[in-house]
Amino acid sequence: MEEYILKINTLENLQGRHDVFEFMQGPFKNKHWHDTSIYLTTEAFDFLHLFIEDVLPAFNYFGPNCVNQEQWNQIAFNACSLNNTADIQFLRLFNKIDYWVNENFKEHNCFSICGP
């Protein structure tokens, strides 16, 4: 089985890669590739996908999708309580995403996810 390194990318370290999920601050503004966004590879996003779809059944894999704080709180609860808590790599990734999301909610009432 191939092992993936789960990490959050920034625009600066994407190295020209475009097959990523962009988490952008606030509602989608018809523009991609923001400096303030975080980017997840498909492999990293797959760890979250089921938890997101459970809360957002109309989630569009290619986006855009707007996620409010109540929805994110439910996603976070599901991911942290239902996921194998022994998976340290997932928990580290999730904690970094959760930190970014909560910083976003200090200024915005939602964040957007756009797929590859």
PDB file of N, CA and C in Angstrom:
ATOM      1  N   MET A   1       0.846  -1.185   0.000  1.00  0.00           N
ATOM      2  CA  MET A   1       0.000   0.000   0.000  1.00  0.00           C
ATOM      3  C   MET A   1       0.890   1.248   0.000  1.00  0.00           C
ATOM      4  N   GLU A   2       0.571   2.175  -0.870  1.00  0.00           N
ATOM      5  CA  GLU A   2       1.351   3.404  -0.966  1.00  0.00           C
ATOM      6  C   GLU A   2       0.997   4.326   0.196  1.00  0.00           C
ATOM      7  N   GLU A   3       1.998   4.927   0.798  1.00  0.00           N
ATOM      8  CA  GLU A   3       1.767   5.829   1.922  1.00  0.00           C
ATOM      9  C   GLU A   3       1.842   7.267   1.434  1.00  0.00           C
ATOM     10  N   TYR A   4       0.868   8.052   1.833  1.00  0.00           N
ATOM     11  CA  TYR A   4       0.821   9.452   1.439  1.00  0.00           C
ATOM     12  C   TYR A   4       1.217  10.329   2.609  1.00  0.00           C
ATOM     13  N   ILE A   5       1.868  11.412   2.299  1.00  0.00           N
ATOM     14  CA  ILE A   5       2.168  12.404   3.319  1.00  0.00           C
ATOM     15  C   ILE A   5       1.027  13.406   3.302  1.00  0.00           C
ATOM     16  N   LEU A   6       0.347  13.521   4.424  1.00  0.00           N
ATOM     17  CA  LEU A   6      -0.777  14.435   4.514  1.00  0.00           C
ATOM     18  C   LEU A   6      -0.272  15.770   5.017  1.00  0.00           C
ATOM     19  N   LYS A   7      -0.422  16.783   4.186  1.00  0.00           N
ATOM     20  CA  LYS A   7       0.007  18.109   4.622  1.00  0.00           C
ATOM     21  C   LYS A   7      -0.845  19.163   3.949  1.00  0.00           C
ATOM     22  N   ILE A   8      -0.814  20.323   4.549  1.00  0.00           N
ATOM     23  CA  ILE A   8      -1.504  21.478   3.993  1.00  0.00           C
ATOM     24  C   ILE A   8      -0.503  22.247   3.151  1.00  0.00           C
ATOM     25  N   ASN A   9      -0.923  22.608   1.964  1.00  0.00           N
ATOM     26  CA  ASN A   9      -0.076  23.399   1.080  1.00  0.00           C
ATOM     27  C   ASN A   9      -0.541  24.847   1.073  1.00  0.00           C
ATOM     28  N   THR A  10       0.392  25.720   0.775  1.00  0.00           N
ATOM     29  CA  THR A  10       0.073  27.126   0.534  1.00  0.00           C
ATOM     30  C   THR A  10       0.271  27.376  -0.953  1.00  0.00           C
ATOM     31  N   LEU A  11      -0.175  28.509  -1.422  1.00  0.00           N
ATOM     32  CA  LEU A  11       0.007  28.846  -2.828  1.00  0.00           C
ATOM     33  C   LEU A  11       1.492  28.806  -3.185  1.00  0.00           C
ATOM     34  N   GLU A  12       2.310  29.230  -2.261  1.00  0.00           N
ATOM     35  CA  GLU A  12       3.755  29.299  -2.487  1.00  0.00           C
ATOM     36  C   GLU A  12       4.401  27.926  -2.682  1.00  0.00           C
ATOM     37  N   ASN A  13       3.925  26.910  -1.957  1.00  0.00           N
ATOM     38  CA  ASN A  13       4.587  25.608  -2.066  1.00  0.00           C
ATOM     39  C   ASN A  13       3.843  24.586  -2.923  1.00  0.00           C
ATOM     40  N   LEU A  14       2.871  25.024  -3.717  1.00  0.00           N
ATOM     41  CA  LEU A  14       2.161  24.102  -4.604  1.00  0.00           C
ATOM     42  C   LEU A  14       3.034  23.607  -5.754  1.00  0.00           C
ATOM     43  N   GLN A  15       4.049  24.351  -6.111  1.00  0.00           N
ATOM     44  CA  GLN A  15       4.975  23.984  -7.179  1.00  0.00           C
ATOM     45  C   GLN A  15       4.250  23.682  -8.487  1.00  0.00           C
ATOM     46  N   GLY A  16       3.296  24.543  -8.833  1.00  0.00           N
ATOM     47  CA  GLY A  16       2.578  24.407 -10.093  1.00  0.00           C
ATOM     48  C   GLY A  16       1.495  23.351 -10.107  1.00  0.00           C
ATOM     49  N   ARG A  17       1.281  22.696  -9.011  1.00  0.00           N
ATOM     50  CA  ARG A  17       0.267  21.640  -8.932  1.00  0.00           C
ATOM     51  C   ARG A  17      -1.121  22.271  -8.908  1.00  0.00           C
ATOM     52  N   HIS A  18      -2.024  21.750  -9.730  1.00  0.00           N
ATOM     53  CA  HIS A  18      -3.377  22.299  -9.791  1.00  0.00           C
ATOM     54  C   HIS A  18      -4.454  21.291  -9.396  1.00  0.00           C
ATOM     55  N   ASP A  19      -4.083  20.060  -9.124  1.00  0.00           N
ATOM     56  CA  ASP A  19      -5.059  19.032  -8.750  1.00  0.00           C
ATOM     57  C   ASP A  19      -5.244  19.015  -7.234  1.00  0.00           C
ATOM     58  N   VAL A  20      -5.712  20.145  -6.718  1.00  0.00           N
ATOM     59  CA  VAL A  20      -5.845  20.329  -5.273  1.00  0.00           C
ATOM     60  C   VAL A  20      -7.218  20.901  -4.931  1.00  0.00           C
ATOM     61  N   PHE A  21      -7.580  20.769  -3.675  1.00  0.00           N
ATOM     62  CA  PHE A  21      -8.785  21.400  -3.146  1.00  0.00           C
ATOM     63  C   PHE A  21      -8.361  22.691  -2.472  1.00  0.00           C
ATOM     64  N   GLU A  22      -9.014  23.775  -2.855  1.00  0.00           N
ATOM     65  CA  GLU A  22      -8.707  25.077  -2.267  1.00  0.00           C
ATOM     66  C   GLU A  22      -9.736  25.404  -1.199  1.00  0.00           C
ATOM     67  N   PHE A  23      -9.263  25.687   0.004  1.00  0.00           N
ATOM     68  CA  PHE A  23     -10.101  26.184   1.086  1.00  0.00           C
ATOM     69  C   PHE A  23      -9.859  27.683   1.126  1.00  0.00           C
ATOM     70  N   MET A  24     -10.870  28.464   0.744  1.00  0.00           N
ATOM     71  CA  MET A  24     -10.679  29.912   0.672  1.00  0.00           C
ATOM     72  C   MET A  24     -11.543  30.634   1.688  1.00  0.00           C
ATOM     73  N   GLN A  25     -11.043  31.746   2.169  1.00  0.00           N
ATOM     74  CA  GLN A  25     -11.752  32.522   3.179  1.00  0.00           C
ATOM     75  C   GLN A  25     -13.014  33.146   2.594  1.00  0.00           C
ATOM     76  N   GLY A  26     -14.104  33.075   3.366  1.00  0.00           N
ATOM     77  CA  GLY A  26     -15.359  33.706   2.973  1.00  0.00           C
ATOM     78  C   GLY A  26     -16.035  32.996   1.814  1.00  0.00           C
ATOM     79  N   PRO A  27     -17.085  33.626   1.283  1.00  0.00           N
ATOM     80  CA  PRO A  27     -17.796  33.035   0.151  1.00  0.00           C
ATOM     81  C   PRO A  27     -16.947  33.099  -1.117  1.00  0.00           C
ATOM     82  N   PHE A  28     -17.224  32.191  -2.046  1.00  0.00           N
ATOM     83  CA  PHE A  28     -16.494  32.138  -3.315  1.00  0.00           C
ATOM     84  C   PHE A  28     -16.719  33.433  -4.086  1.00  0.00           C
ATOM     85  N   LYS A  29     -15.642  33.987  -4.609  1.00  0.00           N
ATOM     86  CA  LYS A  29     -15.706  35.275  -5.311  1.00  0.00           C
ATOM     87  C   LYS A  29     -15.306  35.147  -6.781  1.00  0.00           C
ATOM     88  N   ASN A  30     -15.568  33.997  -7.379  1.00  0.00           N
ATOM     89  CA  ASN A  30     -15.257  33.748  -8.792  1.00  0.00           C
ATOM     90  C   ASN A  30     -13.783  33.900  -9.112  1.00  0.00           C
ATOM     91  N   LYS A  31     -12.934  33.634  -8.154  1.00  0.00           N
ATOM     92  CA  LYS A  31     -11.487  33.709  -8.355  1.00  0.00           C
ATOM     93  C   LYS A  31     -10.824  32.611  -7.524  1.00  0.00           C
ATOM     94  N   HIS A  32      -9.793  32.004  -8.081  1.00  0.00           N
ATOM     95  CA  HIS A  32      -9.047  30.951  -7.390  1.00  0.00           C
ATOM     96  C   HIS A  32      -7.627  31.412  -7.096  1.00  0.00           C
ATOM     97  N   TRP A  33      -6.899  30.568  -6.392  1.00  0.00           N
ATOM     98  CA  TRP A  33      -5.468  30.747  -6.135  1.00  0.00           C
ATOM     99  C   TRP A  33      -5.171  31.980  -5.274  1.00  0.00           C
ATOM    100  N   HIS A  34      -5.834  32.046  -4.125  1.00  0.00           N
ATOM    101  CA  HIS A  34      -5.627  33.138  -3.171  1.00  0.00           C
ATOM    102  C   HIS A  34      -4.423  32.840  -2.272  1.00  0.00           C
ATOM    103  N   ASP A  35      -3.689  33.876  -1.935  1.00  0.00           N
ATOM    104  CA  ASP A  35      -2.559  33.735  -1.004  1.00  0.00           C
ATOM    105  C   ASP A  35      -3.015  33.291   0.381  1.00  0.00           C
ATOM    106  N   THR A  36      -4.235  33.640   0.748  1.00  0.00           N
ATOM    107  CA  THR A  36      -4.746  33.320   2.084  1.00  0.00           C
ATOM    108  C   THR A  36      -5.406  31.943   2.156  1.00  0.00           C
ATOM    109  N   SER A  37      -5.529  31.265   1.025  1.00  0.00           N
ATOM    110  CA  SER A  37      -6.147  29.936   0.996  1.00  0.00           C
ATOM    111  C   SER A  37      -5.160  28.873   1.454  1.00  0.00           C
ATOM    112  N   ILE A  38      -5.724  27.728   1.839  1.00  0.00           N
ATOM    113  CA  ILE A  38      -4.906  26.540   2.049  1.00  0.00           C
ATOM    114  C   ILE A  38      -5.332  25.526   1.001  1.00  0.00           C
ATOM    115  N   TYR A  39      -4.427  24.618   0.665  1.00  0.00           N
ATOM    116  CA  TYR A  39      -4.648  23.678  -0.431  1.00  0.00           C
ATOM    117  C   TYR A  39      -4.346  22.263   0.045  1.00  0.00           C
ATOM    118  N   LEU A  40      -5.273  21.342  -0.280  1.00  0.00           N
ATOM    119  CA  LEU A  40      -5.090  19.939   0.072  1.00  0.00           C
ATOM    120  C   LEU A  40      -5.027  19.113  -1.200  1.00  0.00           C
ATOM    121  N   THR A  41      -4.099  18.165  -1.245  1.00  0.00           N
ATOM    122  CA  THR A  41      -4.074  17.230  -2.363  1.00  0.00           C
ATOM    123  C   THR A  41      -5.324  16.359  -2.281  1.00  0.00           C
ATOM    124  N   THR A  42      -5.628  15.687  -3.362  1.00  0.00           N
ATOM    125  CA  THR A  42      -6.773  14.781  -3.376  1.00  0.00           C
ATOM    126  C   THR A  42      -6.618  13.721  -2.292  1.00  0.00           C
ATOM    127  N   GLU A  43      -5.408  13.205  -2.128  1.00  0.00           N
ATOM    128  CA  GLU A  43      -5.161  12.169  -1.115  1.00  0.00           C
ATOM    129  C   GLU A  43      -5.461  12.696   0.288  1.00  0.00           C
ATOM    130  N   ALA A  44      -5.053  13.908   0.569  1.00  0.00           N
ATOM    131  CA  ALA A  44      -5.319  14.492   1.889  1.00  0.00           C
ATOM    132  C   ALA A  44      -6.807  14.786   2.058  1.00  0.00           C
ATOM    133  N   PHE A  45      -7.443  15.302   1.003  1.00  0.00           N
ATOM    134  CA  PHE A  45      -8.860  15.643   1.095  1.00  0.00           C
ATOM    135  C   PHE A  45      -9.717  14.398   1.300  1.00  0.00           C
ATOM    136  N   ASP A  46      -9.297  13.274   0.726  1.00  0.00           N
ATOM    137  CA  ASP A  46     -10.074  12.042   0.864  1.00  0.00           C
ATOM    138  C   ASP A  46     -10.304  11.663   2.320  1.00  0.00           C
ATOM    139  N   PHE A  47      -9.411  12.050   3.210  1.00  0.00           N
ATOM    140  CA  PHE A  47      -9.595  11.765   4.632  1.00  0.00           C
ATOM    141  C   PHE A  47     -10.777  12.549   5.211  1.00  0.00           C
ATOM    142  N   LEU A  48     -11.068  13.704   4.648  1.00  0.00           N
ATOM    143  CA  LEU A  48     -12.155  14.562   5.144  1.00  0.00           C
ATOM    144  C   LEU A  48     -13.463  14.378   4.391  1.00  0.00           C
ATOM    145  N   HIS A  49     -13.373  13.921   3.172  1.00  0.00           N
ATOM    146  CA  HIS A  49     -14.506  13.922   2.251  1.00  0.00           C
ATOM    147  C   HIS A  49     -15.772  13.293   2.835  1.00  0.00           C
ATOM    148  N   LEU A  50     -15.655  12.124   3.432  1.00  0.00           N
ATOM    149  CA  LEU A  50     -16.845  11.451   3.970  1.00  0.00           C
ATOM    150  C   LEU A  50     -17.488  12.242   5.099  1.00  0.00           C
ATOM    151  N   PHE A  51     -16.668  12.877   5.926  1.00  0.00           N
ATOM    152  CA  PHE A  51     -17.210  13.675   7.028  1.00  0.00           C
ATOM    153  C   PHE A  51     -17.918  14.917   6.498  1.00  0.00           C
ATOM    154  N   ILE A  52     -17.376  15.495   5.442  1.00  0.00           N
ATOM    155  CA  ILE A  52     -17.994  16.674   4.829  1.00  0.00           C
ATOM    156  C   ILE A  52     -19.307  16.293   4.170  1.00  0.00           C
ATOM    157  N   GLU A  53     -19.310  15.212   3.388  1.00  0.00           N
ATOM    158  CA  GLU A  53     -20.537  14.793   2.703  1.00  0.00           C
ATOM    159  C   GLU A  53     -21.625  14.381   3.681  1.00  0.00           C
ATOM    160  N   ASP A  54     -21.245  13.885   4.841  1.00  0.00           N
ATOM    161  CA  ASP A  54     -22.232  13.504   5.844  1.00  0.00           C
ATOM    162  C   ASP A  54     -23.008  14.725   6.334  1.00  0.00           C
ATOM    163  N   VAL A  55     -22.332  15.859   6.446  1.00  0.00           N
ATOM    164  CA  VAL A  55     -22.959  17.103   6.913  1.00  0.00           C
ATOM    165  C   VAL A  55     -23.518  17.912   5.743  1.00  0.00           C
ATOM    166  N   LEU A  56     -22.855  17.843   4.601  1.00  0.00           N
ATOM    167  CA  LEU A  56     -23.268  18.587   3.401  1.00  0.00           C
ATOM    168  C   LEU A  56     -23.570  17.595   2.279  1.00  0.00           C
ATOM    169  N   PRO A  57     -24.761  16.969   2.296  1.00  0.00           N
ATOM    170  CA  PRO A  57     -25.055  15.938   1.299  1.00  0.00           C
ATOM    171  C   PRO A  57     -25.036  16.449  -0.142  1.00  0.00           C
ATOM    172  N   ALA A  58     -25.222  17.742  -0.349  1.00  0.00           N
ATOM    173  CA  ALA A  58     -25.191  18.305  -1.705  1.00  0.00           C
ATOM    174  C   ALA A  58     -23.790  18.806  -2.075  1.00  0.00           C
ATOM    175  N   PHE A  59     -22.772  18.390  -1.314  1.00  0.00           N
ATOM    176  CA  PHE A  59     -21.399  18.830  -1.572  1.00  0.00           C
ATOM    177  C   PHE A  59     -21.010  18.517  -3.012  1.00  0.00           C
ATOM    178  N   ASN A  60     -20.501  19.533  -3.700  1.00  0.00           N
ATOM    179  CA  ASN A  60     -20.046  19.379  -5.079  1.00  0.00           C
ATOM    180  C   ASN A  60     -18.537  19.179  -5.050  1.00  0.00           C
ATOM    181  N   TYR A  61     -18.079  18.024  -5.510  1.00  0.00           N
ATOM    182  CA  TYR A  61     -16.656  17.679  -5.465  1.00  0.00           C
ATOM    183  C   TYR A  61     -15.788  18.737  -6.135  1.00  0.00           C
ATOM    184  N   PHE A  62     -16.312  19.380  -7.161  1.00  0.00           N
ATOM    185  CA  PHE A  62     -15.542  20.385  -7.893  1.00  0.00           C
ATOM    186  C   PHE A  62     -15.818  21.802  -7.405  1.00  0.00           C
ATOM    187  N   GLY A  63     -16.874  21.977  -6.637  1.00  0.00           N
ATOM    188  CA  GLY A  63     -17.172  23.252  -5.986  1.00  0.00           C
ATOM    189  C   GLY A  63     -17.867  24.240  -6.882  1.00  0.00           C
ATOM    190  N   PRO A  64     -18.067  25.427  -6.361  1.00  0.00           N
ATOM    191  CA  PRO A  64     -17.706  25.855  -5.009  1.00  0.00           C
ATOM    192  C   PRO A  64     -18.738  25.410  -3.975  1.00  0.00           C
ATOM    193  N   ASN A  65     -18.284  25.247  -2.762  1.00  0.00           N
ATOM    194  CA  ASN A  65     -19.126  24.883  -1.631  1.00  0.00           C
ATOM    195  C   ASN A  65     -18.852  25.859  -0.496  1.00  0.00           C
ATOM    196  N   CYS A  66     -19.912  26.355   0.114  1.00  0.00           N
ATOM    197  CA  CYS A  66     -19.773  27.278   1.238  1.00  0.00           C
ATOM    198  C   CYS A  66     -20.070  26.498   2.521  1.00  0.00           C
ATOM    199  N   VAL A  67     -19.199  26.623   3.508  1.00  0.00           N
ATOM    200  CA  VAL A  67     -19.342  25.906   4.773  1.00  0.00           C
ATOM    201  C   VAL A  67     -19.413  26.933   5.895  1.00  0.00           C
ATOM    202  N   ASN A  68     -20.533  26.907   6.651  1.00  0.00           N
ATOM    203  CA  ASN A  68     -20.653  27.856   7.759  1.00  0.00           C
ATOM    204  C   ASN A  68     -20.115  27.232   9.049  1.00  0.00           C
ATOM    205  N   GLN A  69     -20.096  28.015  10.112  1.00  0.00           N
ATOM    206  CA  GLN A  69     -19.475  27.561  11.357  1.00  0.00           C
ATOM    207  C   GLN A  69     -20.215  26.382  11.974  1.00  0.00           C
ATOM    208  N   GLU A  70     -21.525  26.408  11.951  1.00  0.00           N
ATOM    209  CA  GLU A  70     -22.295  25.296  12.515  1.00  0.00           C
ATOM    210  C   GLU A  70     -21.997  24.000  11.760  1.00  0.00           C
ATOM    211  N   GLN A  71     -21.942  24.094  10.429  1.00  0.00           N
ATOM    212  CA  GLN A  71     -21.630  22.914   9.623  1.00  0.00           C
ATOM    213  C   GLN A  71     -20.217  22.411   9.918  1.00  0.00           C
ATOM    214  N   TRP A  72     -19.253  23.351   9.995  1.00  0.00           N
ATOM    215  CA  TRP A  72     -17.881  22.937  10.280  1.00  0.00           C
ATOM    216  C   TRP A  72     -17.779  22.282  11.655  1.00  0.00           C
ATOM    217  N   ASN A  73     -18.479  22.822  12.642  1.00  0.00           N
ATOM    218  CA  ASN A  73     -18.436  22.229  13.978  1.00  0.00           C
ATOM    219  C   ASN A  73     -18.923  20.785  13.950  1.00  0.00           C
ATOM    220  N   GLN A  74     -19.949  20.504  13.139  1.00  0.00           N
ATOM    221  CA  GLN A  74     -20.455  19.131  13.029  1.00  0.00           C
ATOM    222  C   GLN A  74     -19.449  18.244  12.293  1.00  0.00           C
ATOM    223  N   ILE A  75     -18.838  18.779  11.238  1.00  0.00           N
ATOM    224  CA  ILE A  75     -17.798  18.032  10.512  1.00  0.00           C
ATOM    225  C   ILE A  75     -16.648  17.698  11.462  1.00  0.00           C
ATOM    226  N   ALA A  76     -16.218  18.687  12.232  1.00  0.00           N
ATOM    227  CA  ALA A  76     -15.109  18.490  13.170  1.00  0.00           C
ATOM    228  C   ALA A  76     -15.465  17.448  14.226  1.00  0.00           C
ATOM    229  N   PHE A  77     -16.673  17.534  14.752  1.00  0.00           N
ATOM    230  CA  PHE A  77     -17.110  16.566  15.756  1.00  0.00           C
ATOM    231  C   PHE A  77     -17.086  15.161  15.175  1.00  0.00           C
ATOM    232  N   ASN A  78     -17.661  14.998  13.983  1.00  0.00           N
ATOM    233  CA  ASN A  78     -17.702  13.682  13.340  1.00  0.00           C
ATOM    234  C   ASN A  78     -16.297  13.166  13.042  1.00  0.00           C
ATOM    235  N   ALA A  79     -15.463  14.025  12.500  1.00  0.00           N
ATOM    236  CA  ALA A  79     -14.110  13.602  12.115  1.00  0.00           C
ATOM    237  C   ALA A  79     -13.290  13.183  13.328  1.00  0.00           C
ATOM    238  N   CYS A  80     -13.424  13.912  14.406  1.00  0.00           N
ATOM    239  CA  CYS A  80     -12.598  13.628  15.587  1.00  0.00           C
ATOM    240  C   CYS A  80     -13.156  12.504  16.442  1.00  0.00           C
ATOM    241  N   SER A  81     -14.456  12.279  16.411  1.00  0.00           N
ATOM    242  CA  SER A  81     -15.016  11.224  17.249  1.00  0.00           C
ATOM    243  C   SER A  81     -15.184   9.914  16.495  1.00  0.00           C
ATOM    244  N   LEU A  82     -15.395   9.977  15.185  1.00  0.00           N
ATOM    245  CA  LEU A  82     -15.623   8.754  14.427  1.00  0.00           C
ATOM    246  C   LEU A  82     -14.365   8.238  13.753  1.00  0.00           C
ATOM    247  N   ASN A  83     -13.395   9.099  13.522  1.00  0.00           N
ATOM    248  CA  ASN A  83     -12.155   8.661  12.883  1.00  0.00           C
ATOM    249  C   ASN A  83     -11.312   7.880  13.884  1.00  0.00           C
ATOM    250  N   ASN A  84     -10.492   7.017  13.359  1.00  0.00           N
ATOM    251  CA  ASN A  84      -9.566   6.265  14.198  1.00  0.00           C
ATOM    252  C   ASN A  84      -8.606   7.248  14.858  1.00  0.00           C
ATOM    253  N   THR A  85      -8.791   7.487  16.137  1.00  0.00           N
ATOM    254  CA  THR A  85      -7.972   8.484  16.824  1.00  0.00           C
ATOM    255  C   THR A  85      -6.511   8.058  16.928  1.00  0.00           C
ATOM    256  N   ALA A  86      -6.217   6.813  16.568  1.00  0.00           N
ATOM    257  CA  ALA A  86      -4.825   6.367  16.560  1.00  0.00           C
ATOM    258  C   ALA A  86      -4.089   6.873  15.319  1.00  0.00           C
ATOM    259  N   ASP A  87      -4.829   7.413  14.360  1.00  0.00           N
ATOM    260  CA  ASP A  87      -4.217   7.917  13.129  1.00  0.00           C
ATOM    261  C   ASP A  87      -3.661   9.316  13.386  1.00  0.00           C
ATOM    262  N   ILE A  88      -2.457   9.368  13.886  1.00  0.00           N
ATOM    263  CA  ILE A  88      -1.815  10.632  14.261  1.00  0.00           C
ATOM    264  C   ILE A  88      -1.666  11.553  13.060  1.00  0.00           C
ATOM    265  N   GLN A  89      -1.352  10.983  11.904  1.00  0.00           N
ATOM    266  CA  GLN A  89      -1.166  11.805  10.706  1.00  0.00           C
ATOM    267  C   GLN A  89      -2.460  12.551  10.362  1.00  0.00           C
ATOM    268  N   PHE A  90      -3.597  11.860  10.437  1.00  0.00           N
ATOM    269  CA  PHE A  90      -4.877  12.512  10.163  1.00  0.00           C
ATOM    270  C   PHE A  90      -5.156  13.595  11.198  1.00  0.00           C
ATOM    271  N   LEU A  91      -4.939  13.294  12.463  1.00  0.00           N
ATOM    272  CA  LEU A  91      -5.231  14.264  13.517  1.00  0.00           C
ATOM    273  C   LEU A  91      -4.378  15.524  13.382  1.00  0.00           C
ATOM    274  N   ARG A  92      -3.118  15.365  13.022  1.00  0.00           N
ATOM    275  CA  ARG A  92      -2.260  16.537  12.810  1.00  0.00           C
ATOM    276  C   ARG A  92      -2.773  17.380  11.653  1.00  0.00           C
ATOM    277  N   LEU A  93      -3.123  16.720  10.555  1.00  0.00           N
ATOM    278  CA  LEU A  93      -3.676  17.430   9.397  1.00  0.00           C
ATOM    279  C   LEU A  93      -4.964  18.142   9.792  1.00  0.00           C
ATOM    280  N   PHE A  94      -5.851  17.417  10.454  1.00  0.00           N
ATOM    281  CA  PHE A  94      -7.137  17.997  10.814  1.00  0.00           C
ATOM    282  C   PHE A  94      -6.971  19.191  11.746  1.00  0.00           C
ATOM    283  N   ASN A  95      -6.089  19.093  12.712  1.00  0.00           N
ATOM    284  CA  ASN A  95      -5.880  20.205  13.645  1.00  0.00           C
ATOM    285  C   ASN A  95      -5.394  21.457  12.931  1.00  0.00           C
ATOM    286  N   LYS A  96      -4.551  21.296  11.923  1.00  0.00           N
ATOM    287  CA  LYS A  96      -4.076  22.451  11.154  1.00  0.00           C
ATOM    288  C   LYS A  96      -5.208  23.065  10.332  1.00  0.00           C
ATOM    289  N   ILE A  97      -6.039  22.217   9.737  1.00  0.00           N
ATOM    290  CA  ILE A  97      -7.189  22.720   8.979  1.00  0.00           C
ATOM    291  C   ILE A  97      -8.146  23.434   9.923  1.00  0.00           C
ATOM    292  N   ASP A  98      -8.417  22.812  11.058  1.00  0.00           N
ATOM    293  CA  ASP A  98      -9.340  23.383  12.036  1.00  0.00           C
ATOM    294  C   ASP A  98      -8.845  24.742  12.532  1.00  0.00           C
ATOM    295  N   TYR A  99      -7.555  24.880  12.740  1.00  0.00           N
ATOM    296  CA  TYR A  99      -6.991  26.169  13.155  1.00  0.00           C
ATOM    297  C   TYR A  99      -7.252  27.224  12.079  1.00  0.00           C
ATOM    298  N   TRP A 100      -6.981  26.893  10.815  1.00  0.00           N
ATOM    299  CA  TRP A 100      -7.202  27.832   9.708  1.00  0.00           C
ATOM    300  C   TRP A 100      -8.687  28.209   9.633  1.00  0.00           C
ATOM    301  N   VAL A 101      -9.561  27.208   9.741  1.00  0.00           N
ATOM    302  CA  VAL A 101     -11.006  27.449   9.666  1.00  0.00           C
ATOM    303  C   VAL A 101     -11.448  28.392  10.781  1.00  0.00           C
ATOM    304  N   ASN A 102     -11.000  28.152  11.990  1.00  0.00           N
ATOM    305  CA  ASN A 102     -11.415  29.001  13.109  1.00  0.00           C
ATOM    306  C   ASN A 102     -10.866  30.417  13.000  1.00  0.00           C
ATOM    307  N   GLU A 103      -9.673  30.577  12.443  1.00  0.00           N
ATOM    308  CA  GLU A 103      -9.155  31.922  12.157  1.00  0.00           C
ATOM    309  C   GLU A 103     -10.038  32.604  11.112  1.00  0.00           C
ATOM    310  N   ASN A 104     -10.477  31.859  10.114  1.00  0.00           N
ATOM    311  CA  ASN A 104     -11.368  32.383   9.080  1.00  0.00           C
ATOM    312  C   ASN A 104     -12.662  32.903   9.699  1.00  0.00           C
ATOM    313  N   PHE A 105     -13.235  32.147  10.638  1.00  0.00           N
ATOM    314  CA  PHE A 105     -14.513  32.533  11.233  1.00  0.00           C
ATOM    315  C   PHE A 105     -14.418  33.788  12.097  1.00  0.00           C
ATOM    316  N   LYS A 106     -13.234  34.250  12.408  1.00  0.00           N
ATOM    317  CA  LYS A 106     -13.094  35.519  13.126  1.00  0.00           C
ATOM    318  C   LYS A 106     -13.482  36.702  12.246  1.00  0.00           C
ATOM    319  N   GLU A 107     -13.408  36.523  10.917  1.00  0.00           N
ATOM    320  CA  GLU A 107     -13.719  37.608   9.986  1.00  0.00           C
ATOM    321  C   GLU A 107     -14.833  37.285   8.997  1.00  0.00           C
ATOM    322  N   HIS A 108     -15.128  36.004   8.802  1.00  0.00           N
ATOM    323  CA  HIS A 108     -16.107  35.594   7.790  1.00  0.00           C
ATOM    324  C   HIS A 108     -17.120  34.642   8.413  1.00  0.00           C
ATOM    325  N   ASN A 109     -18.317  34.594   7.824  1.00  0.00           N
ATOM    326  CA  ASN A 109     -19.328  33.680   8.355  1.00  0.00           C
ATOM    327  C   ASN A 109     -19.315  32.325   7.654  1.00  0.00           C
ATOM    328  N   CYS A 110     -18.399  32.155   6.694  1.00  0.00           N
ATOM    329  CA  CYS A 110     -18.250  30.874   6.020  1.00  0.00           C
ATOM    330  C   CYS A 110     -16.863  30.805   5.386  1.00  0.00           C
ATOM    331  N   PHE A 111     -16.529  29.634   4.863  1.00  0.00           N
ATOM    332  CA  PHE A 111     -15.365  29.493   3.991  1.00  0.00           C
ATOM    333  C   PHE A 111     -15.812  28.642   2.818  1.00  0.00           C
ATOM    334  N   SER A 112     -15.070  28.674   1.739  1.00  0.00           N
ATOM    335  CA  SER A 112     -15.448  27.957   0.525  1.00  0.00           C
ATOM    336  C   SER A 112     -14.433  26.875   0.207  1.00  0.00           C
ATOM    337  N   ILE A 113     -14.945  25.780  -0.348  1.00  0.00           N
ATOM    338  CA  ILE A 113     -14.088  24.691  -0.814  1.00  0.00           C
ATOM    339  C   ILE A 113     -14.338  24.515  -2.303  1.00  0.00           C
ATOM    340  N   CYS A 114     -13.272  24.570  -3.074  1.00  0.00           N
ATOM    341  CA  CYS A 114     -13.343  24.316  -4.515  1.00  0.00           C
ATOM    342  C   CYS A 114     -12.427  23.150  -4.830  1.00  0.00           C
ATOM    343  N   GLY A 115     -12.938  22.216  -5.621  1.00  0.00           N
ATOM    344  CA  GLY A 115     -12.172  21.021  -5.955  1.00  0.00           C
ATOM    345  C   GLY A 115     -11.289  21.196  -7.170  1.00  0.00           C
ATOM    346  N   PRO A 116     -10.586  20.121  -7.504  1.00  0.00           N
ATOM    347  CA  PRO A 116      -9.618  20.180  -8.611  1.00  0.00           C
ATOM    348  C   PRO A 116     -10.275  20.338  -9.974  1.00  0.00           C
TER     349      PRO A 116
END
